[in-house]
Amino acid sequence: MPELTHVNARGEAHMVNVGAKDDTVRVAVASGGVRMLPATLEIIKSNQVKKGDVLAAARLAGIMAAKKTPELIPLCHNILLSAVSVDFEFVGADYIAITAMAESTGKTGVEMEALVAVSAAALTIYDMCKAVDRDMTIQDIRLEKKSGGKSGTYIRGGA
């Protein structure tokens, strides 16, 4: 079983020293979504939410959150992101799928940045629509794939 890298020999949380690692291109993709009433999805699609354009706000929130990941997750390194994208897809009558990609060239991965981007985008959708649908559910936030670094490529499901 692999070791937990953020725990030292005494079992204490610590920041991993990445100083000796090589710079490589790191890319991570995460996904998740928000399930809602069909009527809520319709008002989002028709841009009739009183607070404004839900998906534009959620995209910006996701990008901004990715850039702030080290401030939100205690042991994450500050990294220079070269790209972050947040995309949405309407699935069926009641679901918005969210996909975020983060990219950097550096000594540590960008998985947390992609995951935080999806999370913030989902929370923003919830916030902007809660007046009409408090039963929305944020679902299935997960890493889909990552590449770069010593551990190489990971693809969910091993494909």
Foldseek 3Di string as FASTA:
>chain_A
DDDDQQADPVRDGDAHDLPVFAWDKKKWKKKWKKFWPLVLVVCQVVQNQPVTNLQVVLFVQLQVQLQCLCVVDPRDDRFDWPDKGWDWDDDPSTMIMIMMMTIGTGRDHSHSSRLRSNVRSRVSSCVSRVVPTVPMDIGDIDIQWMADDDVGIDGVVRD
